[in-house]
């Protein structure tokens, strides 16, 4: 058994290792191995293989490569380009014009890909060429793409929600239900931010978009069907009880194949590229997750969970006070770390604390994913910012940083709303599962 002080030192070592640039999986293994060697038995370090096998046996984790593969197939099918054009037909009438399409396209693509990085790369590839001939402020264009991409893990089926559910033994189906309303509200807040920025500085969004005839715009609505059908299959199969989360992901992949064929992109080469990209991303993600499970295993043997629970109880802090402290903690941490390292590196330590405080684990899942998504647009480490700049291949990364500022503020406002109104995330899972 170790105390809170030793646990804090261990977490500090992990943060220091990650800050120095060590791979997050390696950092977590070092901390876990040190804890096992110093306080338990060196034999537990040799038990790593058994723990890795046991942790990766969780059936729900199979949905991660399936959702990655789904996103890869849809991107290569060309459906994203048509989705963007169709949304632009209707969102261009709003103040801010094509900027709203960046948000709308990201929200819909997030609902089928589950990845913020994939959403950033996809929407940036489609959107940036469209803005080169238009009179929009570059910073706001880049910021809106980055903001939209941050919806990737918040809107179901976000991969971060799956990871959190697996690590905490929380129902992924309930997490999906809990994230729906916050995801919609976050999307609307981003669009409201664009309107407000246009009022503050009209020259940033003064481009007057030309609309095609109504008949053409109505005909192009068919391009919205593929992602909506995929989303309907995922959510409908889960909440009808017809399929598990993993089975729904497999169904979505199967449904994506005829969509790719319909667009004339289904061939062996495309599938080979999609499989290679899926294998690479899955290996990276699950290695980190496996090391997080091993760290969690060691922390459990060391008695960190009851020690943290007793410590929080002794403080006498209210739930709101604890959440506010965690909000500041994650905002600061997000400046230095990416989403997955933040999630898997802190959940083993933080989750026992929130359980001891009586905070709903489903609500906290939405909260922590939102915090991790803020890290994606937080300079200087925000992953989506660099993905967008890599697609852009001109200008400076500083312009991307500047463009995210108003959307960062919107996400902080969203966090405040989620804390002040917990039912935003809880009423739908209660309605669905009770």
Protein backbone atom coordinates (compact mmCIF):
# COMPACT_ATOMS: atom_id res chain seq x y z
CA UNK A 1 0.00 0.00 0.00
CA UNK A 2 1.25 3.48 -0.81
CA UNK A 3 -0.10 6.88 0.10
CA UNK A 4 -1.36 9.83 -1.92
CA UNK A 5 2.07 11.47 -1.77
CA UNK A 6 3.79 8.56 -3.49
CA UNK A 7 0.99 8.38 -6.06
CA UNK A 8 1.42 12.10 -6.81
CA UNK A 9 5.18 11.58 -7.26
CA UNK A 10 4.51 8.73 -9.68
CA UNK A 11 2.09 10.85 -11.70
CA UNK A 12 4.63 13.69 -11.70
CA UNK A 13 7.27 11.33 -13.08
CA UNK A 14 4.89 10.26 -15.85
CA UNK A 15 4.11 13.88 -16.80
CA UNK A 16 7.84 14.73 -16.78
CA UNK A 17 8.66 11.76 -19.04
CA UNK A 18 5.94 12.75 -21.53
CA UNK A 19 6.99 16.39 -21.41
CA UNK A 20 10.54 15.32 -22.31
CA UNK A 21 9.18 13.68 -25.45
CA UNK A 22 9.12 10.03 -24.42
CA UNK A 23 6.40 7.99 -26.09
CA UNK A 24 3.36 7.84 -23.83
CA UNK A 25 3.24 4.02 -23.81
CA UNK A 26 6.90 3.86 -22.78
CA UNK A 27 6.36 6.48 -20.07
CA UNK A 28 3.46 4.58 -18.54
CA UNK A 29 5.40 1.31 -18.62
CA UNK A 30 8.38 2.90 -16.84
CA UNK A 31 6.18 4.32 -14.06
CA UNK A 32 4.30 1.03 -13.65
CA UNK A 33 7.54 -1.01 -13.65
CA UNK A 34 9.13 1.31 -11.07
CA UNK A 35 6.08 1.04 -8.81
CA UNK A 36 5.97 -2.74 -9.12
CA UNK A 37 9.71 -3.14 -8.49
CA UNK A 38 9.97 -0.74 -5.57
CA UNK A 39 6.77 -1.51 -3.67
CA UNK A 40 5.67 -4.97 -4.78
CA UNK A 41 7.75 -7.58 -6.56
CA UNK A 42 10.00 -7.43 -9.64
CA UNK A 43 8.14 -10.52 -10.83
CA UNK A 44 5.15 -8.29 -11.60
CA UNK A 45 7.21 -6.57 -14.31
CA UNK A 46 7.61 -9.96 -15.97
CA UNK A 47 3.81 -10.35 -15.76
CA UNK A 48 3.44 -7.61 -18.37
CA UNK A 49 2.71 -10.09 -21.16
CA UNK A 50 -0.13 -11.72 -19.24
CA UNK A 51 -1.62 -8.33 -18.41
CA UNK A 52 -1.40 -7.14 -22.01
CA UNK A 53 -3.21 -10.24 -23.23
CA UNK A 54 -5.89 -9.95 -20.57
CA UNK A 55 -6.49 -6.23 -21.15
CA UNK A 56 -6.76 -6.57 -24.93
CA UNK A 57 -9.35 -9.36 -24.69
CA UNK A 58 -12.12 -6.83 -24.08
CA UNK A 59 -14.60 -7.34 -26.94
CA UNK A 60 -15.53 -3.65 -27.10
CA UNK A 61 -11.96 -2.72 -28.09
CA UNK A 62 -12.49 -4.47 -31.43
CA UNK A 63 -14.71 -1.54 -32.37
CA UNK A 64 -11.68 0.80 -32.46
CA UNK A 65 -10.05 -0.65 -35.62
CA UNK A 66 -13.50 -1.06 -37.16
CA UNK A 67 -14.36 2.63 -36.74
CA UNK A 68 -10.93 3.63 -38.02
CA UNK A 69 -11.45 1.41 -41.08
CA UNK A 70 -14.92 2.90 -41.58
CA UNK A 71 -13.47 6.40 -41.69
CA UNK A 72 -10.69 5.35 -44.08
CA UNK A 73 -13.15 3.77 -46.52
CA UNK A 74 -15.47 6.78 -46.48
CA UNK A 75 -12.61 9.23 -47.03
CA UNK A 76 -11.29 7.23 -49.98
CA UNK A 77 -14.76 6.77 -51.44
CA UNK A 78 -15.04 10.49 -52.21
CA UNK A 79 -18.27 10.84 -50.26
CA UNK A 80 -16.77 13.59 -48.10
CA UNK A 81 -16.29 15.94 -51.06
CA UNK A 82 -19.92 15.54 -52.07
CA UNK A 83 -21.07 15.90 -48.46
CA UNK A 84 -19.23 19.22 -48.19
CA UNK A 85 -20.73 20.56 -51.41
CA UNK A 86 -24.25 19.56 -50.42
CA UNK A 87 -23.98 21.17 -46.97
CA UNK A 88 -22.59 24.34 -48.52
CA UNK A 89 -25.77 24.65 -50.60
CA UNK A 90 -27.78 25.26 -47.42
CA UNK A 91 -25.35 26.65 -44.84
CA UNK A 92 -24.01 29.38 -47.15
CA UNK A 93 -27.16 31.42 -46.49
CA UNK A 94 -26.10 31.93 -42.84
CA UNK A 95 -23.96 34.90 -41.75
CA UNK A 96 -20.44 33.59 -42.19
CA UNK A 97 -21.28 31.58 -45.30
CA UNK A 98 -18.92 28.74 -46.12
CA UNK A 99 -17.33 28.82 -42.66
CA UNK A 100 -20.42 27.11 -41.29
CA UNK A 101 -19.92 24.30 -43.78
CA UNK A 102 -16.58 23.51 -42.12
CA UNK A 103 -18.43 22.97 -38.84
CA UNK A 104 -21.38 21.09 -40.34
CA UNK A 105 -19.22 18.77 -42.46
CA UNK A 106 -16.98 18.04 -39.47
CA UNK A 107 -19.98 17.23 -37.28
CA UNK A 108 -21.43 14.79 -39.79
CA UNK A 109 -18.09 13.16 -40.60
CA UNK A 110 -17.39 12.86 -36.86
CA UNK A 111 -20.61 10.90 -36.54
CA UNK A 112 -19.18 8.15 -38.73
CA UNK A 113 -15.41 8.29 -38.21
CA UNK A 114 -15.00 8.74 -34.44
CA UNK A 115 -11.62 10.43 -34.87
CA UNK A 116 -10.74 14.11 -34.54
CA UNK A 117 -7.46 13.78 -36.44
CA UNK A 118 -9.17 11.99 -39.33
CA UNK A 119 -11.88 14.66 -39.37
CA UNK A 120 -9.28 17.46 -39.43
CA UNK A 121 -7.34 15.91 -42.32
CA UNK A 122 -10.47 15.09 -44.33
CA UNK A 123 -12.28 18.42 -43.97
CA UNK A 124 -9.08 20.44 -44.45
CA UNK A 125 -8.35 18.58 -47.69
CA UNK A 126 -11.83 19.33 -49.02
CA UNK A 127 -12.34 22.84 -47.60
CA UNK A 128 -9.04 24.65 -48.10
CA UNK A 129 -9.15 24.63 -51.93
CA UNK A 130 -12.68 26.08 -51.78
CA UNK A 131 -11.49 29.08 -49.74
CA UNK A 132 -8.53 30.03 -51.94
CA UNK A 133 -10.77 31.97 -54.33
CA UNK A 134 -12.92 33.52 -51.60
CA UNK A 135 -12.49 36.58 -49.43
CA UNK A 136 -12.47 35.07 -45.93
CA UNK A 137 -9.95 35.71 -43.20
CA UNK A 138 -7.43 32.86 -43.32
CA UNK A 139 -7.20 32.59 -39.55
CA UNK A 140 -10.94 32.16 -39.13
CA UNK A 141 -11.02 29.56 -41.90
CA UNK A 142 -8.28 27.53 -40.23
CA UNK A 143 -9.82 27.98 -36.78
CA UNK A 144 -13.23 26.78 -37.95
CA UNK A 145 -11.71 23.62 -39.46
CA UNK A 146 -9.78 22.92 -36.23
CA UNK A 147 -12.89 23.56 -34.13
CA UNK A 148 -15.03 21.28 -36.27
CA UNK A 149 -12.42 18.55 -36.01
CA UNK A 150 -12.59 18.72 -32.22
CA UNK A 151 -16.09 17.26 -32.50
CA UNK A 152 -14.55 14.00 -33.73
CA UNK A 153 -14.36 12.29 -30.36
CA UNK A 154 -17.30 14.05 -28.70
CA UNK A 155 -19.97 13.12 -31.22
CA UNK A 156 -20.72 9.36 -31.17
CA UNK A 157 -19.11 7.03 -32.12
CA UNK A 158 -16.05 8.80 -30.69
CA UNK A 159 -13.09 6.48 -30.15
CA UNK A 160 -12.16 8.35 -26.95
CA UNK A 161 -15.54 7.37 -25.50
CA UNK A 162 -14.78 3.71 -26.27
CA UNK A 163 -11.36 3.99 -24.59
CA UNK A 164 -12.84 5.64 -21.51
CA UNK A 165 -15.60 3.04 -21.31
CA UNK A 166 -13.11 0.17 -21.56
CA UNK A 167 -10.80 1.66 -18.93
CA UNK A 168 -13.55 2.39 -16.40
CA UNK A 169 -15.97 -0.44 -17.17
CA UNK A 170 -18.63 2.13 -18.12
CA UNK A 171 -21.29 1.29 -20.71
CA UNK A 172 -20.20 2.62 -24.09
CA UNK A 173 -23.83 2.70 -25.18
CA UNK A 174 -24.69 5.04 -22.31
CA UNK A 175 -21.64 7.18 -23.10
CA UNK A 176 -22.80 7.50 -26.71
CA UNK A 177 -26.26 8.56 -25.57
CA UNK A 178 -24.76 11.03 -23.09
CA UNK A 179 -22.59 12.67 -25.76
CA UNK A 180 -25.34 13.32 -28.32
CA UNK A 181 -26.83 16.51 -26.84
CA UNK A 182 -23.45 18.05 -25.81
CA UNK A 183 -22.17 17.30 -29.31
CA UNK A 184 -25.11 19.10 -30.91
CA UNK A 185 -24.82 22.07 -28.54
CA UNK A 186 -21.07 22.30 -29.16
CA UNK A 187 -21.73 22.37 -32.92
CA UNK A 188 -24.26 25.19 -32.50
CA UNK A 189 -21.85 27.12 -30.26
CA UNK A 190 -19.16 26.94 -32.93
CA UNK A 191 -21.59 28.25 -35.54
CA UNK A 192 -22.68 31.02 -33.16
CA UNK A 193 -19.00 31.91 -32.71
CA UNK A 194 -18.65 32.39 -36.46
CA UNK A 195 -21.69 34.70 -36.50
CA UNK A 196 -20.32 36.72 -33.56
CA UNK A 197 -16.88 37.04 -35.19
CA UNK A 198 -18.61 38.29 -38.32
CA UNK A 199 -20.41 40.96 -36.30
CA UNK A 200 -17.19 42.03 -34.59
CA UNK A 201 -15.19 42.16 -37.82
CA UNK A 202 -17.45 42.03 -40.91
CA UNK A 203 -14.48 41.97 -43.30
CA UNK A 204 -13.55 38.49 -42.02
CA UNK A 205 -16.77 36.92 -43.31
CA UNK A 206 -18.00 39.41 -45.91
CA UNK A 207 -17.84 36.96 -48.81
CA UNK A 208 -21.23 36.80 -50.52
CA UNK A 209 -21.87 33.24 -51.64
CA UNK A 210 -23.73 32.53 -54.88
CA UNK A 211 -26.40 29.88 -54.49
CA UNK A 212 -27.22 27.38 -57.22
CA UNK A 213 -30.85 27.00 -58.35
CA UNK A 214 -33.12 25.33 -55.82
CA UNK A 215 -33.71 22.29 -58.04
CA UNK A 216 -29.97 21.57 -58.20
CA UNK A 217 -29.53 22.02 -54.45
CA UNK A 218 -32.42 19.67 -53.75
CA UNK A 219 -30.98 17.08 -56.11
CA UNK A 220 -27.60 17.22 -54.35
CA UNK A 221 -29.22 16.45 -50.98
CA UNK A 222 -28.80 12.80 -51.89
CA UNK A 223 -25.10 13.20 -51.07
CA UNK A 224 -26.02 13.63 -47.40
CA UNK A 225 -27.56 10.18 -47.29
CA UNK A 226 -24.41 7.97 -47.06
CA UNK A 227 -23.07 9.38 -43.76
CA UNK A 228 -26.58 9.71 -42.32
CA UNK A 229 -27.35 6.09 -43.22
CA UNK A 230 -24.09 4.97 -41.61
CA UNK A 231 -24.87 6.96 -38.46
CA UNK A 232 -28.38 5.53 -38.41
CA UNK A 233 -27.03 1.98 -38.68
CA UNK A 234 -24.57 2.54 -35.82
CA UNK A 235 -26.94 4.21 -33.38
CA UNK A 236 -30.09 2.40 -34.46
CA UNK A 237 -28.59 -1.08 -34.12
CA UNK A 238 -27.19 -0.25 -30.66
CA UNK A 239 -30.33 1.28 -29.14
CA UNK A 240 -32.73 -1.16 -30.72
CA UNK A 241 -30.80 -3.90 -28.96
CA UNK A 242 -30.08 -5.60 -32.28
CA UNK A 243 -26.29 -5.21 -32.07
CA UNK A 244 -23.55 -4.43 -29.58
CA UNK A 245 -21.24 -1.45 -30.02
CA UNK A 246 -18.65 -3.65 -31.73
CA UNK A 247 -21.20 -5.39 -33.96
CA UNK A 248 -22.66 -2.02 -34.99
CA UNK A 249 -19.17 -0.89 -36.07
CA UNK A 250 -18.83 -4.03 -38.21
CA UNK A 251 -22.24 -3.40 -39.76
CA UNK A 252 -21.21 0.16 -40.60
CA UNK A 253 -18.05 -1.05 -42.36
CA UNK A 254 -20.09 -3.49 -44.42
CA UNK A 255 -22.53 -0.68 -45.33
CA UNK A 256 -19.63 1.58 -46.36
CA UNK A 257 -18.48 -0.85 -49.05
CA UNK A 258 -21.49 -0.42 -51.40
CA UNK A 259 -21.25 3.34 -50.84
CA UNK A 260 -17.65 3.26 -52.09
CA UNK A 261 -18.78 1.09 -55.01
CA UNK A 262 -21.58 3.55 -55.82
CA UNK A 263 -19.00 6.33 -56.15
CA UNK A 264 -16.78 4.12 -58.32
CA UNK A 265 -13.93 3.97 -55.78
CA UNK A 266 -14.19 0.39 -54.50
CA UNK A 267 -11.16 -1.58 -55.67
CA UNK A 268 -8.33 -3.68 -54.29
CA UNK A 269 -5.88 -0.77 -54.19
CA UNK A 270 -8.26 1.43 -52.18
CA UNK A 271 -8.99 -1.34 -49.70
CA UNK A 272 -5.29 -2.14 -49.35
CA UNK A 273 -4.52 1.50 -48.50
CA UNK A 274 -7.43 1.64 -46.04
CA UNK A 275 -6.30 -1.57 -44.30
CA UNK A 276 -2.69 -0.35 -44.01
CA UNK A 277 -3.76 2.99 -42.52
CA UNK A 278 -6.12 1.19 -40.13
CA UNK A 279 -3.41 -1.22 -38.97
CA UNK A 280 -0.98 1.63 -38.32
CA UNK A 281 -3.42 3.78 -36.35
CA UNK A 282 -4.80 0.81 -34.43
CA UNK A 283 -1.36 -0.41 -33.38
CA UNK A 284 -0.41 3.04 -32.11
CA UNK A 285 -3.67 3.53 -30.20
CA UNK A 286 -3.90 0.08 -28.63
CA UNK A 287 -0.26 0.03 -27.53
CA UNK A 288 -0.94 3.18 -25.51
CA UNK A 289 -4.16 1.71 -24.16
CA UNK A 290 -2.47 -1.58 -23.22
CA UNK A 291 0.19 0.26 -21.21
CA UNK A 292 -2.55 2.26 -19.49
CA UNK A 293 -4.24 -0.98 -18.43
CA UNK A 294 -0.92 -2.28 -17.07
CA UNK A 295 -0.40 0.95 -15.12
CA UNK A 296 -3.95 0.66 -13.80
CA UNK A 297 -3.24 -2.94 -12.73
CA UNK A 298 -0.14 -1.90 -10.76
CA UNK A 299 -1.93 1.07 -9.18
CA UNK A 300 -4.70 -1.28 -8.05
CA UNK A 301 -2.22 -3.63 -6.36
CA UNK A 302 -0.51 -0.67 -4.70
CA UNK A 303 -3.80 0.44 -3.14
CA UNK A 304 -3.84 3.81 -4.87
CA UNK A 305 -7.58 3.65 -5.54
CA UNK A 306 -8.75 3.43 -1.88
CA UNK A 307 -6.02 5.88 -0.82
CA UNK A 308 -7.24 8.51 -3.28
CA UNK A 309 -10.85 7.88 -2.31
CA UNK A 310 -10.07 8.38 1.36
CA UNK A 311 -8.05 11.51 0.57
CA UNK A 312 -10.90 13.11 -1.41
CA UNK A 313 -13.42 12.22 1.28
CA UNK A 314 -11.19 13.80 3.90
CA UNK A 315 -10.95 17.06 1.95
CA UNK A 316 -14.69 17.62 2.18
CA UNK A 317 -14.77 19.30 -1.24
CA UNK A 318 -18.10 19.50 -3.04
CA UNK A 319 -18.59 17.87 -6.43
CA UNK A 320 -18.59 21.24 -8.20
CA UNK A 321 -15.38 22.33 -6.46
CA UNK A 322 -13.67 19.09 -7.45
CA UNK A 323 -14.82 19.41 -11.09
CA UNK A 324 -13.60 23.02 -11.24
CA UNK A 325 -10.18 21.92 -10.00
CA UNK A 326 -10.10 19.15 -12.61
CA UNK A 327 -11.15 21.63 -15.30
CA UNK A 328 -8.17 23.87 -14.57
CA UNK A 329 -5.94 20.79 -14.36
CA UNK A 330 -7.00 19.52 -17.78
CA UNK A 331 -6.86 22.95 -19.42
CA UNK A 332 -3.25 23.30 -18.29
CA UNK A 333 -2.40 19.72 -19.20
CA UNK A 334 -3.94 20.18 -22.63
CA UNK A 335 -1.34 22.80 -23.49
CA UNK A 336 1.36 20.13 -23.35
CA UNK A 337 -0.30 16.80 -24.18
CA UNK A 338 -2.45 15.24 -26.90
CA UNK A 339 -5.87 13.66 -26.43
CA UNK A 340 -5.05 9.98 -26.01
CA UNK A 341 -2.06 10.48 -23.66
CA UNK A 342 -4.17 12.84 -21.55
CA UNK A 343 -7.02 10.38 -21.38
CA UNK A 344 -5.19 7.15 -20.65
CA UNK A 345 -2.55 8.82 -18.50
CA UNK A 346 -4.98 10.48 -16.09
CA UNK A 347 -8.04 8.20 -15.94
CA UNK A 348 -6.37 5.58 -13.70
CA UNK A 349 -5.63 8.32 -11.16
CA UNK A 350 -8.64 10.60 -11.57
CA UNK A 351 -11.45 8.05 -11.93
CA UNK A 352 -11.22 6.72 -8.33
CA UNK A 353 -11.34 10.33 -7.13
CA UNK A 354 -14.56 11.16 -8.97
CA UNK A 355 -16.16 7.89 -7.88
CA UNK A 356 -15.30 8.66 -4.24
CA UNK A 357 -16.93 12.07 -4.70
CA UNK A 358 -20.13 10.46 -6.04
CA UNK A 359 -19.86 11.96 -9.55
CA UNK A 360 -21.72 10.06 -12.26
CA UNK A 361 -19.13 8.13 -14.36
CA UNK A 362 -21.20 8.56 -17.55
CA UNK A 363 -21.31 12.35 -17.12
CA UNK A 364 -17.61 12.39 -16.28
CA UNK A 365 -16.87 10.45 -19.46
CA UNK A 366 -18.40 13.25 -21.54
CA UNK A 367 -16.60 15.85 -19.42
CA UNK A 368 -13.15 14.30 -19.76
CA UNK A 369 -13.55 13.74 -23.52
CA UNK A 370 -14.54 17.41 -23.87
CA UNK A 371 -11.43 18.37 -21.91
CA UNK A 372 -9.30 16.19 -24.14
CA UNK A 373 -10.86 17.73 -27.24
CA UNK A 374 -9.92 21.19 -26.00
CA UNK A 375 -6.32 19.98 -25.98
CA UNK A 376 -6.58 19.35 -29.73
CA UNK A 377 -6.92 23.08 -30.42
CA UNK A 378 -4.59 24.24 -27.63
CA UNK A 379 -1.21 25.52 -28.89
CA UNK A 380 1.56 24.50 -29.02
CA UNK A 381 0.84 20.75 -29.05
CA UNK A 382 -2.70 20.51 -30.46
CA UNK A 383 -2.52 17.66 -32.96
CA UNK A 384 -5.28 18.88 -35.28
CA UNK A 385 -3.52 22.23 -35.70
CA UNK A 386 -0.47 20.54 -37.20
CA UNK A 387 -2.59 18.23 -39.34
CA UNK A 388 -4.36 21.24 -40.85
CA UNK A 389 -1.06 23.06 -41.43
CA UNK A 390 0.38 19.94 -43.10
CA UNK A 391 -2.58 19.84 -45.49
CA UNK A 392 -2.34 23.60 -46.06
CA UNK A 393 1.41 23.64 -46.91
CA UNK A 394 1.67 27.43 -46.87
CA UNK A 395 1.72 30.29 -44.38
CA UNK A 396 2.70 29.67 -40.77
CA UNK A 397 1.37 27.55 -37.94
CA UNK A 398 0.92 30.79 -35.97
CA UNK A 399 -2.07 31.64 -38.17
CA UNK A 400 -3.70 28.36 -37.21
CA UNK A 401 -3.01 29.07 -33.53
CA UNK A 402 -4.59 32.52 -33.79
CA UNK A 403 -7.67 31.19 -35.57
CA UNK A 404 -8.49 28.76 -32.77
CA UNK A 405 -8.75 31.41 -30.03
CA UNK A 406 -12.49 32.26 -30.39
CA UNK A 407 -13.37 28.57 -30.69
CA UNK A 408 -11.25 27.73 -27.64
CA UNK A 409 -13.36 30.27 -25.72
CA UNK A 410 -16.52 28.60 -27.05
CA UNK A 411 -15.32 25.24 -25.73
CA UNK A 412 -14.65 26.75 -22.31
CA UNK A 413 -18.21 28.13 -22.36
CA UNK A 414 -19.42 24.64 -23.29
CA UNK A 415 -17.53 23.21 -20.31
CA UNK A 416 -19.23 25.71 -18.00
CA UNK A 417 -22.64 24.76 -19.41
CA UNK A 418 -21.93 21.06 -18.91
CA UNK A 419 -20.93 21.64 -15.29
CA UNK A 420 -23.87 23.93 -14.55
CA UNK A 421 -26.38 21.67 -16.32
CA UNK A 422 -25.36 18.01 -15.85
CA UNK A 423 -28.71 16.80 -17.21
CA UNK A 424 -27.51 17.92 -20.63
CA UNK A 425 -25.51 14.70 -20.72
CA UNK A 426 -27.56 12.50 -18.41
CA UNK A 427 -31.18 12.77 -19.48
CA UNK A 428 -30.85 10.81 -22.75
CA UNK A 429 -29.01 7.77 -21.27
CA UNK A 430 -31.51 7.73 -18.41
CA UNK A 431 -34.37 7.86 -20.89
CA UNK A 432 -32.81 5.17 -23.05
CA UNK A 433 -31.63 2.74 -20.39
CA UNK A 434 -34.29 3.09 -17.68
